[in-house]
PDB file of N, CA and C in Angstrom:
ATOM      1  N   MET A   1      95.808  96.801  88.590  1.00  0.00           N
ATOM      2  CA  MET A   1      96.135  96.817  90.259  1.00  0.00           C
ATOM      3  C   MET A   1      97.548  96.394  89.830  1.00  0.00           C
ATOM      4  N   ASN A   2      98.522  97.384  90.589  1.00  0.00           N
ATOM      5  CA  ASN A   2     100.144  97.371  90.808  1.00  0.00           C
ATOM      6  C   ASN A   2     100.578  96.948  91.935  1.00  0.00           C
ATOM      7  N   LEU A   3     101.465  96.236  91.546  1.00  0.00           N
ATOM      8  CA  LEU A   3     101.791  95.217  92.682  1.00  0.00           C
ATOM      9  C   LEU A   3     103.342  95.577  92.844  1.00  0.00           C
ATOM     10  N   TYR A   4     103.656  95.328  94.139  1.00  0.00           N
ATOM     11  CA  TYR A   4     104.979  95.927  94.699  1.00  0.00           C
ATOM     12  C   TYR A   4     105.813  94.449  94.997  1.00  0.00           C
ATOM     13  N   VAL A   5     107.235  94.621  94.604  1.00  0.00           N
ATOM     14  CA  VAL A   5     108.108  93.157  94.605  1.00  0.00           C
ATOM     15  C   VAL A   5     109.047  93.258  95.129  1.00  0.00           C
ATOM     16  N   SER A   6     109.622  92.816  96.407  1.00  0.00           N
ATOM     17  CA  SER A   6     110.865  93.179  96.623  1.00  0.00           C
ATOM     18  C   SER A   6     111.495  91.688  97.124  1.00  0.00           C
ATOM     19  N   ASN A   7     112.640  92.059  97.445  1.00  0.00           N
ATOM     20  CA  ASN A   7     114.077  91.029  97.783  1.00  0.00           C
ATOM     21  C   ASN A   7     114.139  90.194  96.291  1.00  0.00           C
ATOM     22  N   LEU A   8     114.250  90.950  95.237  1.00  0.00           N
ATOM     23  CA  LEU A   8     114.828  90.544  94.001  1.00  0.00           C
ATOM     24  C   LEU A   8     116.289  90.508  93.768  1.00  0.00           C
ATOM     25  N   GLY A   9     116.433  89.125  92.975  1.00  0.00           N
ATOM     26  CA  GLY A   9     117.881  88.946  92.823  1.00  0.00           C
ATOM     27  C   GLY A   9     118.615  89.987  91.812  1.00  0.00           C
ATOM     28  N   GLU A  10     119.926  89.960  91.698  1.00  0.00           N
ATOM     29  CA  GLU A  10     120.357  91.059  90.643  1.00  0.00           C
ATOM     30  C   GLU A  10     120.247  90.443  89.447  1.00  0.00           C
ATOM     31  N   GLN A  11     120.328  89.209  89.557  1.00  0.00           N
ATOM     32  CA  GLN A  11     120.137  88.431  87.715  1.00  0.00           C
ATOM     33  C   GLN A  11     118.557  88.683  87.143  1.00  0.00           C
ATOM     34  N   ILE A  12     117.435  89.200  87.881  1.00  0.00           N
ATOM     35  CA  ILE A  12     116.417  89.068  87.477  1.00  0.00           C
ATOM     36  C   ILE A  12     115.977  90.706  86.777  1.00  0.00           C
ATOM     37  N   THR A  13     115.295  90.470  85.343  1.00  0.00           N
ATOM     38  CA  THR A  13     114.996  91.650  84.661  1.00  0.00           C
ATOM     39  C   THR A  13     113.936  91.948  84.450  1.00  0.00           C
ATOM     40  N   ASP A  14     113.525  93.321  83.928  1.00  0.00           N
ATOM     41  CA  ASP A  14     112.108  93.456  83.606  1.00  0.00           C
ATOM     42  C   ASP A  14     111.621  92.044  83.016  1.00  0.00           C
ATOM     43  N   GLU A  15     111.833  91.615  81.838  1.00  0.00           N
ATOM     44  CA  GLU A  15     111.111  90.305  81.080  1.00  0.00           C
ATOM     45  C   GLU A  15     110.990  89.430  81.739  1.00  0.00           C
ATOM     46  N   SER A  16     112.281  88.975  82.787  1.00  0.00           N
ATOM     47  CA  SER A  16     112.010  87.930  83.719  1.00  0.00           C
ATOM     48  C   SER A  16     110.858  87.737  84.675  1.00  0.00           C
ATOM     49  N   LEU A  17     111.075  89.023  85.307  1.00  0.00           N
ATOM     50  CA  LEU A  17     110.144  89.529  86.071  1.00  0.00           C
ATOM     51  C   LEU A  17     108.698  89.209  85.340  1.00  0.00           C
ATOM     52  N   HIS A  18     108.489  89.730  84.316  1.00  0.00           N
ATOM     53  CA  HIS A  18     106.909  89.834  83.828  1.00  0.00           C
ATOM     54  C   HIS A  18     106.868  88.245  83.380  1.00  0.00           C
ATOM     55  N   ALA A  19     107.562  87.421  82.895  1.00  0.00           N
ATOM     56  CA  ALA A  19     107.224  86.420  82.908  1.00  0.00           C
ATOM     57  C   ALA A  19     107.021  85.403  83.493  1.00  0.00           C
ATOM     58  N   ILE A  20     107.573  85.593  85.096  1.00  0.00           N
ATOM     59  CA  ILE A  20     107.384  85.313  86.442  1.00  0.00           C
ATOM     60  C   ILE A  20     105.786  85.427  86.841  1.00  0.00           C
ATOM     61  N   PHE A  21     105.309  86.609  86.658  1.00  0.00           N
ATOM     62  CA  PHE A  21     103.947  86.742  87.295  1.00  0.00           C
ATOM     63  C   PHE A  21     102.884  86.735  85.894  1.00  0.00           C
ATOM     64  N   ALA A  22     103.237  86.546  84.580  1.00  0.00           N
ATOM     65  CA  ALA A  22     102.344  86.120  83.653  1.00  0.00           C
ATOM     66  C   ALA A  22     101.894  84.583  83.748  1.00  0.00           C
ATOM     67  N   THR A  23     102.512  83.686  84.593  1.00  0.00           N
ATOM     68  CA  THR A  23     101.675  82.454  84.849  1.00  0.00           C
ATOM     69  C   THR A  23     100.699  82.735  86.156  1.00  0.00           C
ATOM     70  N   HIS A  24     100.274  84.055  86.487  1.00  0.00           N
ATOM     71  CA  HIS A  24      99.154  84.021  87.217  1.00  0.00           C
ATOM     72  C   HIS A  24      98.103  84.785  86.585  1.00  0.00           C
ATOM     73  N   GLY A  25      98.399  85.476  85.371  1.00  0.00           N
ATOM     74  CA  GLY A  25      97.269  86.392  84.983  1.00  0.00           C
ATOM     75  C   GLY A  25      98.328  87.120  83.871  1.00  0.00           C
ATOM     76  N   THR A  26      97.266  88.056  83.153  1.00  0.00           N
ATOM     77  CA  THR A  26      97.992  89.128  82.185  1.00  0.00           C
ATOM     78  C   THR A  26      98.667  90.019  82.697  1.00  0.00           C
ATOM     79  N   VAL A  27      99.469  90.271  82.615  1.00  0.00           N
ATOM     80  CA  VAL A  27     100.753  91.485  82.705  1.00  0.00           C
ATOM     81  C   VAL A  27     101.064  92.555  82.117  1.00  0.00           C
ATOM     82  N   VAL A  28     100.417  93.240  82.458  1.00  0.00           N
ATOM     83  CA  VAL A  28     100.891  94.792  81.339  1.00  0.00           C
ATOM     84  C   VAL A  28     101.794  95.290  81.226  1.00  0.00           C
ATOM     85  N   SER A  29     102.792  95.489  82.454  1.00  0.00           N
ATOM     86  CA  SER A  29     103.730  95.940  82.515  1.00  0.00           C
ATOM     87  C   SER A  29     104.662  95.082  83.977  1.00  0.00           C
ATOM     88  N   SER A  30     106.085  95.635  83.614  1.00  0.00           N
ATOM     89  CA  SER A  30     106.906  95.118  84.490  1.00  0.00           C
ATOM     90  C   SER A  30     108.017  96.016  84.907  1.00  0.00           C
ATOM     91  N   ARG A  31     108.246  96.419  85.968  1.00  0.00           N
ATOM     92  CA  ARG A  31     109.616  97.100  85.854  1.00  0.00           C
ATOM     93  C   ARG A  31     110.503  96.946  87.047  1.00  0.00           C
ATOM     94  N   ILE A  32     111.777  97.012  86.719  1.00  0.00           N
ATOM     95  CA  ILE A  32     113.048  96.417  87.645  1.00  0.00           C
ATOM     96  C   ILE A  32     113.384  97.894  88.060  1.00  0.00           C
ATOM     97  N   ILE A  33     113.460  98.057  89.652  1.00  0.00           N
ATOM     98  CA  ILE A  33     114.184  99.945  89.718  1.00  0.00           C
ATOM     99  C   ILE A  33     115.335  99.779  90.103  1.00  0.00           C
ATOM    100  N   LYS A  34     116.139 100.201  89.269  1.00  0.00           N
ATOM    101  CA  LYS A  34     117.447 100.597  89.340  1.00  0.00           C
ATOM    102  C   LYS A  34     118.163 101.896  89.834  1.00  0.00           C
ATOM    103  N   ASP A  35     119.548 101.630  90.495  1.00  0.00           N
ATOM    104  CA  ASP A  35     120.021 102.810  90.641  1.00  0.00           C
ATOM    105  C   ASP A  35     120.491 104.055  89.648  1.00  0.00           C
ATOM    106  N   ARG A  36     120.453 105.020  89.994  1.00  0.00           N
ATOM    107  CA  ARG A  36     120.201 106.172  89.002  1.00  0.00           C
ATOM    108  C   ARG A  36     121.691 106.203  88.473  1.00  0.00           C
ATOM    109  N   PHE A  37     122.534 106.117  89.476  1.00  0.00           N
ATOM    110  CA  PHE A  37     124.081 106.419  89.494  1.00  0.00           C
ATOM    111  C   PHE A  37     124.738 105.401  88.834  1.00  0.00           C
ATOM    112  N   ASN A  38     124.445 104.192  89.119  1.00  0.00           N
ATOM    113  CA  ASN A  38     125.326 103.008  88.770  1.00  0.00           C
ATOM    114  C   ASN A  38     124.870 102.151  87.577  1.00  0.00           C
ATOM    115  N   GLY A  39     123.155 102.075  87.923  1.00  0.00           N
ATOM    116  CA  GLY A  39     122.358 101.239  87.254  1.00  0.00           C
ATOM    117  C   GLY A  39     122.187 100.017  87.338  1.00  0.00           C
ATOM    118  N   TYR A  40     122.741  99.782  88.694  1.00  0.00           N
ATOM    119  CA  TYR A  40     122.649  98.214  89.380  1.00  0.00           C
ATOM    120  C   TYR A  40     120.761  98.412  89.778  1.00  0.00           C
ATOM    121  N   PRO A  41     120.307  96.841  89.740  1.00  0.00           N
ATOM    122  CA  PRO A  41     118.985  96.814  90.721  1.00  0.00           C
ATOM    123  C   PRO A  41     119.317  96.876  91.994  1.00  0.00           C
ATOM    124  N   LYS A  42     118.127  97.742  92.455  1.00  0.00           N
ATOM    125  CA  LYS A  42     117.909  98.089  93.919  1.00  0.00           C
ATOM    126  C   LYS A  42     117.135  96.769  94.458  1.00  0.00           C
ATOM    127  N   GLY A  43     116.642  95.602  93.629  1.00  0.00           N
ATOM    128  CA  GLY A  43     116.164  94.874  94.778  1.00  0.00           C
ATOM    129  C   GLY A  43     114.643  94.918  94.846  1.00  0.00           C
ATOM    130  N   PHE A  44     114.016  95.801  93.915  1.00  0.00           N
ATOM    131  CA  PHE A  44     112.378  95.779  93.788  1.00  0.00           C
ATOM    132  C   PHE A  44     112.108  96.323  92.649  1.00  0.00           C
ATOM    133  N   GLY A  45     110.999  96.095  92.360  1.00  0.00           N
ATOM    134  CA  GLY A  45     110.398  96.331  91.291  1.00  0.00           C
ATOM    135  C   GLY A  45     108.830  96.453  91.315  1.00  0.00           C
ATOM    136  N   PHE A  46     108.145  96.665  89.906  1.00  0.00           N
ATOM    137  CA  PHE A  46     106.615  96.958  90.319  1.00  0.00           C
ATOM    138  C   PHE A  46     106.113  96.181  88.922  1.00  0.00           C
ATOM    139  N   ILE A  47     104.669  95.426  89.438  1.00  0.00           N
ATOM    140  CA  ILE A  47     104.268  94.791  88.191  1.00  0.00           C
ATOM    141  C   ILE A  47     102.350  95.234  87.826  1.00  0.00           C
ATOM    142  N   GLU A  48     102.615  95.380  86.952  1.00  0.00           N
ATOM    143  CA  GLU A  48     100.787  95.978  86.542  1.00  0.00           C
ATOM    144  C   GLU A  48      99.933  95.034  86.236  1.00  0.00           C
ATOM    145  N   MET A  49      99.073  94.886  86.709  1.00  0.00           N
ATOM    146  CA  MET A  49      98.086  93.968  86.237  1.00  0.00           C
ATOM    147  C   MET A  49      96.570  94.002  86.210  1.00  0.00           C
ATOM    148  N   PRO A  50      96.235  94.091  85.067  1.00  0.00           N
ATOM    149  CA  PRO A  50      94.717  94.786  85.163  1.00  0.00           C
ATOM    150  C   PRO A  50      93.331  94.252  85.447  1.00  0.00           C
ATOM    151  N   ASN A  51      93.481  93.149  85.799  1.00  0.00           N
ATOM    152  CA  ASN A  51      92.421  92.064  86.508  1.00  0.00           C
ATOM    153  C   ASN A  51      92.598  91.932  87.821  1.00  0.00           C
ATOM    154  N   GLU A  52      91.918  92.841  88.768  1.00  0.00           N
ATOM    155  CA  GLU A  52      92.498  92.394  89.932  1.00  0.00           C
ATOM    156  C   GLU A  52      92.024  91.057  90.678  1.00  0.00           C
ATOM    157  N   LYS A  53      91.380  90.379  90.206  1.00  0.00           N
ATOM    158  CA  LYS A  53      91.173  88.752  91.018  1.00  0.00           C
ATOM    159  C   LYS A  53      92.723  88.089  90.567  1.00  0.00           C
ATOM    160  N   GLU A  54      93.092  88.266  89.456  1.00  0.00           N
ATOM    161  CA  GLU A  54      94.411  87.921  88.903  1.00  0.00           C
ATOM    162  C   GLU A  54      95.487  88.471  89.667  1.00  0.00           C
ATOM    163  N   ALA A  55      95.450  89.729  90.194  1.00  0.00           N
ATOM    164  CA  ALA A  55      96.860  90.525  90.810  1.00  0.00           C
ATOM    165  C   ALA A  55      96.792  89.721  92.300  1.00  0.00           C
ATOM    166  N   MET A  56      95.139  89.363  92.867  1.00  0.00           N
ATOM    167  CA  MET A  56      94.942  89.429  94.389  1.00  0.00           C
ATOM    168  C   MET A  56      95.452  87.665  93.861  1.00  0.00           C
ATOM    169  N   LYS A  57      95.740  86.658  93.011  1.00  0.00           N
ATOM    170  CA  LYS A  57      96.160  85.478  93.203  1.00  0.00           C
ATOM    171  C   LYS A  57      97.253  85.334  92.955  1.00  0.00           C
ATOM    172  N   ALA A  58      97.992  86.473  92.037  1.00  0.00           N
ATOM    173  CA  ALA A  58      99.670  86.295  92.141  1.00  0.00           C
ATOM    174  C   ALA A  58      99.869  86.880  93.535  1.00  0.00           C
ATOM    175  N   ILE A  59      99.521  87.775  94.422  1.00  0.00           N
ATOM    176  CA  ILE A  59     100.006  88.102  95.592  1.00  0.00           C
ATOM    177  C   ILE A  59      99.852  86.772  96.462  1.00  0.00           C
ATOM    178  N   GLU A  60      99.068  86.218  96.611  1.00  0.00           N
ATOM    179  CA  GLU A  60      99.052  85.206  97.478  1.00  0.00           C
ATOM    180  C   GLU A  60     100.086  83.987  97.252  1.00  0.00           C
ATOM    181  N   LYS A  61      99.954  84.091  95.830  1.00  0.00           N
ATOM    182  CA  LYS A  61     100.988  82.521  95.321  1.00  0.00           C
ATOM    183  C   LYS A  61     102.395  82.852  95.216  1.00  0.00           C
ATOM    184  N   MET A  62     102.990  84.077  94.896  1.00  0.00           N
ATOM    185  CA  MET A  62     104.133  84.423  94.529  1.00  0.00           C
ATOM    186  C   MET A  62     104.883  85.330  96.260  1.00  0.00           C
ATOM    187  N   ASN A  63     103.848  85.610  97.167  1.00  0.00           N
ATOM    188  CA  ASN A  63     104.438  86.214  98.411  1.00  0.00           C
ATOM    189  C   ASN A  63     105.040  85.057  99.274  1.00  0.00           C
ATOM    190  N   GLY A  64     106.579  85.301  99.559  1.00  0.00           N
ATOM    191  CA  GLY A  64     107.000  84.015  99.688  1.00  0.00           C
ATOM    192  C   GLY A  64     107.495  82.828  98.921  1.00  0.00           C
ATOM    193  N   CYS A  65     107.359  83.095  97.785  1.00  0.00           N
ATOM    194  CA  CYS A  65     108.082  81.959  96.806  1.00  0.00           C
ATOM    195  C   CYS A  65     109.548  82.240  96.514  1.00  0.00           C
ATOM    196  N   VAL A  66     110.320  81.204  96.273  1.00  0.00           N
ATOM    197  CA  VAL A  66     111.440  81.273  96.326  1.00  0.00           C
ATOM    198  C   VAL A  66     111.957  81.034  94.647  1.00  0.00           C
ATOM    199  N   VAL A  67     112.466  82.355  94.343  1.00  0.00           N
ATOM    200  CA  VAL A  67     113.110  82.988  92.957  1.00  0.00           C
ATOM    201  C   VAL A  67     114.619  83.097  93.007  1.00  0.00           C
ATOM    202  N   ASN A  68     115.363  82.098  92.411  1.00  0.00           N
ATOM    203  CA  ASN A  68     116.643  82.656  92.300  1.00  0.00           C
ATOM    204  C   ASN A  68     117.331  82.247  94.039  1.00  0.00           C
ATOM    205  N   GLY A  69     116.439  81.237  94.871  1.00  0.00           N
ATOM    206  CA  GLY A  69     117.516  81.145  96.258  1.00  0.00           C
ATOM    207  C   GLY A  69     117.072  82.789  96.870  1.00  0.00           C
ATOM    208  N   ARG A  70     115.770  83.701  96.818  1.00  0.00           N
ATOM    209  CA  ARG A  70     115.598  84.650  97.480  1.00  0.00           C
ATOM    210  C   ARG A  70     113.759  84.485  97.758  1.00  0.00           C
ATOM    211  N   ASN A  71     113.451  84.427  98.840  1.00  0.00           N
ATOM    212  CA  ASN A  71     111.842  84.721  99.312  1.00  0.00           C
ATOM    213  C   ASN A  71     111.512  85.854  98.736  1.00  0.00           C
ATOM    214  N   LEU A  72     110.606  85.657  97.845  1.00  0.00           N
ATOM    215  CA  LEU A  72     110.090  87.211  97.426  1.00  0.00           C
ATOM    216  C   LEU A  72     109.070  87.746  98.209  1.00  0.00           C
ATOM    217  N   GLN A  73     108.797  89.143  98.222  1.00  0.00           N
ATOM    218  CA  GLN A  73     107.832  89.584  98.763  1.00  0.00           C
ATOM    219  C   GLN A  73     106.935  90.667  98.346  1.00  0.00           C
ATOM    220  N   VAL A  74     105.871  90.039  98.190  1.00  0.00           N
ATOM    221  CA  VAL A  74     104.851  90.607  97.130  1.00  0.00           C
ATOM    222  C   VAL A  74     103.573  90.974  97.750  1.00  0.00           C
ATOM    223  N   SER A  75     103.250  92.490  97.480  1.00  0.00           N
ATOM    224  CA  SER A  75     101.807  93.013  97.926  1.00  0.00           C
ATOM    225  C   SER A  75     101.438  94.277  97.048  1.00  0.00           C
ATOM    226  N   GLU A  76     100.308  94.614  97.585  1.00  0.00           N
ATOM    227  CA  GLU A  76      99.864  95.736  96.441  1.00  0.00           C
ATOM    228  C   GLU A  76     100.649  96.694  96.904  1.00  0.00           C
ATOM    229  N   ALA A  77     100.762  97.753  95.796  1.00  0.00           N
ATOM    230  CA  ALA A  77     101.695  98.900  95.666  1.00  0.00           C
ATOM    231  C   ALA A  77     100.665  99.941  96.292  1.00  0.00           C
ATOM    232  N   LYS A  78     101.459 100.563  97.587  1.00  0.00           N
ATOM    233  CA  LYS A  78     100.803 101.776  97.912  1.00  0.00           C
ATOM    234  C   LYS A  78     100.871 103.037  97.076  1.00  0.00           C
ATOM    235  N   ALA A  79     100.172 104.041  97.065  1.00  0.00           N
ATOM    236  CA  ALA A  79     100.526 105.524  96.504  1.00  0.00           C
ATOM    237  C   ALA A  79     101.166 106.401  96.840  1.00  0.00           C
ATOM    238  N   VAL A  80     102.139 106.805  96.450  1.00  0.00           N
ATOM    239  CA  VAL A  80     102.942 107.452  97.307  1.00  0.00           C
ATOM    240  C   VAL A  80     102.595 109.317  96.563  1.00  0.00           C
ATOM    241  N   ARG A  81     102.089 109.700  97.971  1.00  0.00           N
ATOM    242  CA  ARG A  81     101.704 110.903  97.900  1.00  0.00           C
ATOM    243  C   ARG A  81     102.892 112.160  97.814  1.00  0.00           C
ATOM    244  N   GLN A  82     102.658 112.890  96.942  1.00  0.00           N
ATOM    245  CA  GLN A  82     103.663 113.679  97.023  1.00  0.00           C
ATOM    246  C   GLN A  82     103.365 115.515  97.577  1.00  0.00           C
ATOM    247  N   VAL A  83     104.272 115.505  98.394  1.00  0.00           N
ATOM    248  CA  VAL A  83     104.054 117.079  99.437  1.00  0.00           C
ATOM    249  C   VAL A  83     104.626 117.796  98.489  1.00  0.00           C
ATOM    250  N   SER A  84     103.598 119.455  98.449  1.00  0.00           N
ATOM    251  CA  SER A  84     104.052 120.235  97.818  1.00  0.00           C
ATOM    252  C   SER A  84     104.850 121.435  98.765  1.00  0.00           C
ATOM    253  N   ASN A  85     105.973 122.309  98.196  1.00  0.00           N
ATOM    254  CA  ASN A  85     106.579 122.783  99.048  1.00  0.00           C
ATOM    255  C   ASN A  85     106.286 124.268  98.877  1.00  0.00           C
ATOM    256  N   ALA A  86     105.014 124.698  98.304  1.00  0.00           N
ATOM    257  CA  ALA A  86     104.282 126.160  97.768  1.00  0.00           C
ATOM    258  C   ALA A  86     104.219 126.746  99.338  1.00  0.00           C
TER     259      ALA A  86
END
């Protein structure tokens, strides 16, 4: 299950995001999204957890949780549908 995490501070790294969510279950991957031009974090990222029960627990526990002075917003990531211009 993929989770969307927003309202992240600039100091959060892929590794620290992984560590934060690993306390709630197995984390396969974590990724902070960065601006392609300047490399600065955009304030959101994604977590992949293989166990849906653990992922739901992580959403419940981490949504609204304060990390580095910011209230995280955590939800299930929604799939993006690509539109073809054919």
